[in-house]
Amino acid sequence: MLAFQKVADPTPGKNRMHLDTGTTDLDGATRLLLEGGARHVADHESDGFRWVTLADPDGNEFCIAQH
């Protein structure tokens, strides 16, 4: 599952497009992405919904969420 969020104004450190992906195994998927070269940015939780913000080697941020 993919979801896209448009960023209205480009600013330093933010992408024009922010990629969100979903997984049934958030911890496992996060571990695989980190092993593949991603950098951890932040962990989030709201009302039992968990997601992790990561960045690719070029600094482009994206999120992976538990579903």
C-alpha atoms as a PDB file:
ATOM      1  CA  MET A   1       0.000   0.000   0.000  1.00  0.00           C
ATOM      2  CA  LEU A   2       1.323   3.457  -0.897  1.00  0.00           C
ATOM      3  CA  ALA A   3       0.045   6.873   0.135  1.00  0.00           C
ATOM      4  CA  PHE A   4       1.313  10.225  -1.134  1.00  0.00           C
ATOM      5  CA  GLN A   5       1.120  13.577   0.669  1.00  0.00           C
ATOM      6  CA  LYS A   6       1.862  16.752  -1.269  1.00  0.00           C
ATOM      7  CA  VAL A   7       4.033  19.395   0.391  1.00  0.00           C
ATOM      8  CA  ALA A   8       2.748  22.791  -0.705  1.00  0.00           C
ATOM      9  CA  ASP A   9       5.997  24.768  -0.511  1.00  0.00           C
ATOM     10  CA  PRO A  10       9.470  23.274  -0.883  1.00  0.00           C
ATOM     11  CA  THR A  11      11.635  24.001   2.127  1.00  0.00           C
ATOM     12  CA  PRO A  12      15.111  22.817   3.112  1.00  0.00           C
ATOM     13  CA  GLY A  13      14.956  19.256   4.406  1.00  0.00           C
ATOM     14  CA  LYS A  14      11.493  18.534   3.009  1.00  0.00           C
ATOM     15  CA  ASN A  15      10.585  16.622  -0.114  1.00  0.00           C
ATOM     16  CA  ARG A  16       8.134  17.827  -2.763  1.00  0.00           C
ATOM     17  CA  MET A  17       6.531  14.395  -2.364  1.00  0.00           C
ATOM     18  CA  HIS A  18       6.506  12.426   0.879  1.00  0.00           C
ATOM     19  CA  LEU A  19       6.271   8.658   0.411  1.00  0.00           C
ATOM     20  CA  ASP A  20       4.396   6.573   2.992  1.00  0.00           C
ATOM     21  CA  THR A  21       4.375   2.779   2.885  1.00  0.00           C
ATOM     22  CA  GLY A  22       2.501   0.254   5.000  1.00  0.00           C
ATOM     23  CA  THR A  23       3.539  -3.088   6.433  1.00  0.00           C
ATOM     24  CA  THR A  24       2.207  -5.736   8.788  1.00  0.00           C
ATOM     25  CA  ASP A  25       5.664  -6.005  10.434  1.00  0.00           C
ATOM     26  CA  LEU A  26       6.845  -2.470  11.238  1.00  0.00           C
ATOM     27  CA  ASP A  27       9.859  -3.508  13.295  1.00  0.00           C
ATOM     28  CA  GLY A  28      11.068  -6.045  10.728  1.00  0.00           C
ATOM     29  CA  ALA A  29      10.575  -3.704   7.775  1.00  0.00           C
ATOM     30  CA  THR A  30      12.318  -0.861   9.610  1.00  0.00           C
ATOM     31  CA  ARG A  31      15.264  -3.124  10.395  1.00  0.00           C
ATOM     32  CA  LEU A  32      15.552  -4.189   6.732  1.00  0.00           C
ATOM     33  CA  LEU A  33      15.458  -0.576   5.519  1.00  0.00           C
ATOM     34  CA  LEU A  34      18.120   0.469   8.031  1.00  0.00           C
ATOM     35  CA  GLU A  35      20.323  -2.436   6.939  1.00  0.00           C
ATOM     36  CA  GLY A  36      19.807  -1.273   3.340  1.00  0.00           C
ATOM     37  CA  GLY A  37      21.145   2.217   4.032  1.00  0.00           C
ATOM     38  CA  ALA A  38      18.191   4.187   5.402  1.00  0.00           C
ATOM     39  CA  ARG A  39      18.727   6.526   8.374  1.00  0.00           C
ATOM     40  CA  HIS A  40      16.331   6.622  11.329  1.00  0.00           C
ATOM     41  CA  VAL A  41      14.678  10.028  11.818  1.00  0.00           C
ATOM     42  CA  ALA A  42      11.864   9.468  14.349  1.00  0.00           C
ATOM     43  CA  ASP A  43       9.373   7.024  15.851  1.00  0.00           C
ATOM     44  CA  HIS A  44       5.723   8.055  16.136  1.00  0.00           C
ATOM     45  CA  GLU A  45       2.550   6.739  17.753  1.00  0.00           C
ATOM     46  CA  SER A  46      -0.927   8.234  17.902  1.00  0.00           C
ATOM     47  CA  ASP A  47      -3.992   6.449  19.242  1.00  0.00           C
ATOM     48  CA  GLY A  48      -2.308   3.056  18.797  1.00  0.00           C
ATOM     49  CA  PHE A  49      -1.199   3.833  15.213  1.00  0.00           C
ATOM     50  CA  ARG A  50       2.589   3.432  14.840  1.00  0.00           C
ATOM     51  CA  TRP A  51       4.894   4.735  12.127  1.00  0.00           C
ATOM     52  CA  VAL A  52       8.598   5.419  11.633  1.00  0.00           C
ATOM     53  CA  THR A  53      10.169   8.262   9.662  1.00  0.00           C
ATOM     54  CA  LEU A  54      13.356   7.297   7.821  1.00  0.00           C
ATOM     55  CA  ALA A  55      15.583   9.017   5.271  1.00  0.00           C
ATOM     56  CA  ASP A  56      17.257   7.559   2.204  1.00  0.00           C
ATOM     57  CA  PRO A  57      21.016   8.085   1.665  1.00  0.00           C
ATOM     58  CA  ASP A  58      20.277  11.415  -0.091  1.00  0.00           C
ATOM     59  CA  GLY A  59      18.264  12.687   2.896  1.00  0.00           C
ATOM     60  CA  ASN A  60      14.788  12.268   1.369  1.00  0.00           C
ATOM     61  CA  GLU A  61      12.393  11.412   4.183  1.00  0.00           C
ATOM     62  CA  PHE A  62       9.691   8.752   3.984  1.00  0.00           C
ATOM     63  CA  CYS A  63       7.480   6.913   6.475  1.00  0.00           C
ATOM     64  CA  ILE A  64       6.627   3.291   7.036  1.00  0.00           C
ATOM     65  CA  ALA A  65       3.493   2.510   9.026  1.00  0.00           C
ATOM     66  CA  GLN A  66       2.040  -0.516  10.790  1.00  0.00           C
ATOM     67  CA  HIS A  67      -1.290  -1.630   9.360  1.00  0.00           C
END
